[in-house]
Amino acid sequence: MSIREERKQQSRKAILDAALSLSTTGRSFSSLSLREISRHVGLVPAAFYRHFQDMDELGLELVDQMSLYLKNILNQLSLHYFQPTDVQTRATLDYLFQRVEAFPEAWIFLIAERWGGSPTLRQAIAREFNFLSSDLTQALAQMKATQHIQSEQDLKVLAQILFELTLSWVMQWIDLQRQDNHPQQQEDLQLFRRQVQTQVQLLFRGILHWDRSLAQHP
């Protein structure tokens, strides 16, 4: 790779990093301008167009990158979601919250912009979330705990419940983590972790006893 190409890639990454940082600290992506982002990384606005046609293209690149990050994490979680022991459930939640703490911006960006002001980003995130939910549906179909669920639609509903719950847990965890001056922060985090573990276990019990015939209307 030439020095020129290397510098171009560094500038592109700097723009992406700046947009992600600015849009996950109380701002929405739609409120940002290319001038603001360019100024943040020390570039003239004209340099922005060497990397992206417009803000939508920049946002779509962020959606792709952040979705791939979530995909890798959720693939790992899908291997362990339905485990019968408390120890295994705790280990799964430990993994989830550790990954959230390692890169909260990915979660914040996608969850916030899911309902943000840009139709282009909303549609892209909806598409990526549907892909992630479909991946989870396929993983559920392979699990021993769900072998008695024969309906693909039931598995899709279950995957969607798990996916939405995970997003909710993540944002609550991030909110608690960011209350740096809260004297009971650690107690609140531990309480929340126990509540999430109970939710997973209750959901697991319900899945084990799920009977499609009992859900049919007379």
Protein backbone atom coordinates (compact mmCIF):
# COMPACT_ATOMS: atom_id res chain seq x y z
CA MET A 1 0.00 0.00 0.00
CA SER A 2 1.34 3.44 -0.93
CA ILE A 3 1.74 6.21 1.64
CA ARG A 4 -0.95 8.21 -0.17
CA GLU A 5 -3.42 5.34 0.02
CA GLU A 6 -2.57 4.74 3.66
CA ARG A 7 -3.21 8.40 4.49
CA LYS A 8 -6.50 8.27 2.61
CA GLN A 9 -7.63 5.29 4.65
CA GLN A 10 -6.57 7.02 7.85
CA SER A 11 -8.59 10.11 6.91
CA ARG A 12 -11.62 7.97 6.09
CA LYS A 13 -11.37 6.19 9.42
CA ALA A 14 -10.97 9.53 11.22
CA ILE A 15 -14.19 10.79 9.64
CA LEU A 16 -16.06 7.63 10.63
CA ASP A 17 -14.68 7.75 14.17
CA ALA A 18 -15.60 11.43 14.53
CA ALA A 19 -19.14 10.89 13.29
CA LEU A 20 -19.62 7.95 15.64
CA SER A 21 -18.20 9.85 18.60
CA LEU A 22 -20.24 13.00 18.00
CA SER A 23 -23.46 11.08 17.43
CA THR A 24 -23.21 9.02 20.63
CA THR A 25 -22.60 11.79 23.14
CA GLY A 26 -26.02 13.37 23.28
CA ARG A 27 -26.28 14.32 19.60
CA SER A 28 -28.16 12.59 16.83
CA PHE A 29 -26.44 11.72 13.58
CA SER A 30 -29.00 13.74 11.63
CA SER A 31 -28.00 16.87 13.57
CA LEU A 32 -24.40 16.64 12.36
CA SER A 33 -23.05 18.38 9.29
CA LEU A 34 -20.15 17.38 7.09
CA ARG A 35 -18.51 20.71 7.92
CA GLU A 36 -18.66 19.96 11.63
CA ILE A 37 -17.21 16.49 11.16
CA SER A 38 -14.50 17.75 8.81
CA ARG A 39 -13.53 20.46 11.28
CA HIS A 40 -13.46 17.90 14.10
CA VAL A 41 -10.80 15.84 12.28
CA GLY A 42 -8.88 18.80 10.90
CA LEU A 43 -9.96 18.50 7.28
CA VAL A 44 -11.42 21.05 4.91
CA PRO A 45 -15.01 20.25 3.87
CA ALA A 46 -13.88 19.51 0.31
CA ALA A 47 -11.76 16.65 1.65
CA PHE A 48 -14.91 14.98 2.98
CA TYR A 49 -16.08 14.33 -0.59
CA ARG A 50 -12.96 12.33 -1.35
CA HIS A 51 -14.37 9.66 0.96
CA PHE A 52 -18.18 10.03 0.98
CA GLN A 53 -20.69 11.52 -1.43
CA ASP A 54 -22.82 12.91 1.39
CA MET A 55 -23.83 12.38 5.01
CA ASP A 56 -26.17 9.54 4.11
CA GLU A 57 -23.32 7.54 2.60
CA LEU A 58 -21.26 8.16 5.73
CA GLY A 59 -24.17 7.05 7.92
CA LEU A 60 -24.71 3.89 5.87
CA GLU A 61 -21.05 2.96 6.24
CA LEU A 62 -21.39 3.33 10.01
CA VAL A 63 -24.53 1.18 9.98
CA ASP A 64 -22.67 -1.55 8.08
CA GLN A 65 -19.67 -1.51 10.42
CA MET A 66 -21.65 -1.34 13.66
CA SER A 67 -24.08 -4.05 12.49
CA LEU A 68 -21.18 -6.38 11.74
CA TYR A 69 -19.85 -5.77 15.25
CA LEU A 70 -23.23 -6.63 16.78
CA LYS A 71 -23.57 -9.67 14.53
CA ASN A 72 -20.37 -11.19 15.88
CA ILE A 73 -21.50 -10.65 19.48
CA LEU A 74 -25.03 -11.94 18.94
CA ASN A 75 -23.71 -15.02 17.17
CA GLN A 76 -21.76 -15.86 20.32
CA LEU A 77 -24.76 -15.15 22.52
CA SER A 78 -27.03 -17.37 20.44
CA LEU A 79 -24.82 -20.32 21.32
CA HIS A 80 -25.45 -19.86 25.02
CA TYR A 81 -28.80 -18.12 25.50
CA PHE A 82 -30.74 -21.22 26.47
CA GLN A 83 -28.66 -22.95 29.06
CA PRO A 84 -30.35 -24.64 32.03
CA THR A 85 -27.95 -23.66 34.81
CA ASP A 86 -27.57 -20.36 36.64
CA VAL A 87 -23.82 -20.48 36.11
CA GLN A 88 -24.17 -20.68 32.34
CA THR A 89 -26.73 -17.88 32.29
CA ARG A 90 -24.47 -15.65 34.35
CA ALA A 91 -21.53 -16.38 32.04
CA THR A 92 -23.63 -15.41 29.03
CA LEU A 93 -24.68 -12.11 30.60
CA ASP A 94 -21.10 -11.43 31.68
CA TYR A 95 -20.02 -11.80 28.07
CA LEU A 96 -22.80 -9.49 26.81
CA PHE A 97 -22.13 -6.69 29.28
CA GLN A 98 -18.36 -6.93 28.83
CA ARG A 99 -18.76 -6.47 25.10
CA VAL A 100 -21.11 -3.54 25.68
CA GLU A 101 -18.60 -1.87 27.98
CA ALA A 102 -15.83 -2.43 25.45
CA PHE A 103 -17.63 -0.55 22.67
CA PRO A 104 -20.86 1.12 23.83
CA GLU A 105 -20.86 3.49 20.84
CA ALA A 106 -21.84 0.72 18.43
CA TRP A 107 -24.97 -0.09 20.42
CA ILE A 108 -25.87 3.54 21.11
CA PHE A 109 -25.55 4.54 17.46
CA LEU A 110 -27.74 1.76 16.06
CA ILE A 111 -30.37 1.88 18.79
CA ALA A 112 -30.65 5.68 18.77
CA GLU A 113 -30.60 6.07 14.99
CA ARG A 114 -33.12 3.25 14.63
CA TRP A 115 -35.73 5.88 15.48
CA GLY A 116 -33.66 8.90 14.40
CA GLY A 117 -34.34 11.63 11.93
CA SER A 118 -32.84 10.13 8.78
CA PRO A 119 -35.19 7.85 6.80
CA THR A 120 -32.18 6.42 4.97
CA LEU A 121 -30.53 5.30 8.20
CA ARG A 122 -33.81 4.07 9.71
CA GLN A 123 -34.42 1.84 6.72
CA ALA A 124 -30.84 0.55 6.71
CA ILE A 125 -30.91 -0.24 10.42
CA ALA A 126 -34.31 -1.92 10.12
CA ARG A 127 -32.90 -4.10 7.35
CA GLU A 128 -29.80 -5.01 9.38
CA PHE A 129 -31.86 -5.74 12.50
CA ASN A 130 -34.10 -8.02 10.44
CA PHE A 131 -30.98 -9.87 9.28
CA LEU A 132 -29.76 -10.19 12.86
CA SER A 133 -33.14 -11.46 14.01
CA SER A 134 -33.18 -13.98 11.15
CA ASP A 135 -29.73 -15.22 12.18
CA LEU A 136 -31.04 -15.71 15.70
CA THR A 137 -34.07 -17.59 14.37
CA GLN A 138 -31.77 -20.02 12.56
CA ALA A 139 -29.66 -20.46 15.68
CA LEU A 140 -32.75 -21.19 17.77
CA ALA A 141 -33.83 -23.88 15.33
CA GLN A 142 -30.58 -25.75 16.07
CA MET A 143 -30.84 -25.61 19.85
CA LYS A 144 -31.87 -28.59 21.91
CA ALA A 145 -34.10 -26.46 24.12
CA THR A 146 -36.25 -25.42 21.15
CA GLN A 147 -36.45 -28.69 19.21
CA HIS A 148 -40.08 -29.15 20.27
CA ILE A 149 -41.05 -25.87 18.58
CA GLN A 150 -41.95 -26.90 15.06
CA SER A 151 -43.44 -23.65 13.83
CA GLU A 152 -40.97 -21.38 12.05
CA GLN A 153 -43.23 -18.44 12.84
CA ASP A 154 -43.03 -19.24 16.56
CA LEU A 155 -39.23 -19.30 16.33
CA LYS A 156 -39.28 -15.93 14.56
CA VAL A 157 -41.44 -14.46 17.30
CA LEU A 158 -39.10 -15.86 19.95
CA ALA A 159 -36.04 -14.49 18.16
CA GLN A 160 -37.64 -11.07 17.95
CA ILE A 161 -38.45 -11.12 21.67
CA LEU A 162 -34.87 -12.05 22.52
CA PHE A 163 -33.44 -9.46 20.17
CA GLU A 164 -35.57 -6.61 21.51
CA LEU A 165 -34.89 -7.65 25.10
CA THR A 166 -31.16 -7.63 24.42
CA LEU A 167 -31.31 -4.10 23.02
CA SER A 168 -33.27 -2.96 26.05
CA TRP A 169 -30.82 -4.60 28.49
CA VAL A 170 -27.89 -3.01 26.68
CA MET A 171 -29.21 0.54 26.85
CA GLN A 172 -30.18 0.19 30.51
CA TRP A 173 -26.70 -1.15 31.28
CA ILE A 174 -25.06 1.74 29.43
CA ASP A 175 -27.23 4.26 31.28
CA LEU A 176 -26.24 2.75 34.62
CA GLN A 177 -22.58 2.66 33.63
CA ARG A 178 -22.60 6.34 32.74
CA GLN A 179 -23.89 7.43 36.14
CA ASP A 180 -20.34 7.87 37.36
CA ASN A 181 -21.19 9.97 40.40
CA HIS A 182 -24.04 7.81 41.58
CA PRO A 183 -23.08 6.43 45.04
CA GLN A 184 -25.06 3.21 44.58
CA GLN A 185 -23.94 2.53 41.02
CA GLN A 186 -22.39 -0.88 41.70
CA GLU A 187 -25.39 -1.99 43.71
CA ASP A 188 -27.71 -0.86 40.92
CA LEU A 189 -25.63 -2.72 38.33
CA GLN A 190 -25.70 -5.93 40.35
CA LEU A 191 -29.44 -5.60 40.93
CA PHE A 192 -30.03 -5.04 37.24
CA ARG A 193 -27.86 -8.04 36.34
CA ARG A 194 -29.92 -10.24 38.68
CA GLN A 195 -33.14 -8.94 37.15
CA VAL A 196 -31.92 -9.73 33.65
CA GLN A 197 -30.87 -13.20 34.73
CA THR A 198 -34.35 -13.79 36.15
CA GLN A 199 -35.92 -12.64 32.87
CA VAL A 200 -33.76 -15.07 30.89
CA GLN A 201 -34.61 -17.94 33.22
CA LEU A 202 -38.34 -17.19 33.17
CA LEU A 203 -38.27 -17.01 29.39
CA PHE A 204 -36.32 -20.26 29.26
CA ARG A 205 -38.93 -22.01 31.43
CA GLY A 206 -41.71 -20.79 29.20
CA ILE A 207 -39.95 -22.00 26.07
CA LEU A 208 -39.43 -25.46 27.52
CA HIS A 209 -43.18 -25.77 28.12
CA TRP A 210 -44.36 -24.11 24.94
CA ASP A 211 -47.17 -25.99 23.22
CA ARG A 212 -48.46 -24.54 19.97
CA SER A 213 -51.76 -26.43 20.28
CA LEU A 214 -52.60 -24.55 23.48
CA ALA A 215 -52.16 -21.24 21.67
CA GLN A 216 -54.64 -22.06 18.92
CA HIS A 217 -57.97 -20.26 18.97
CA PRO A 218 -61.02 -22.53 19.37
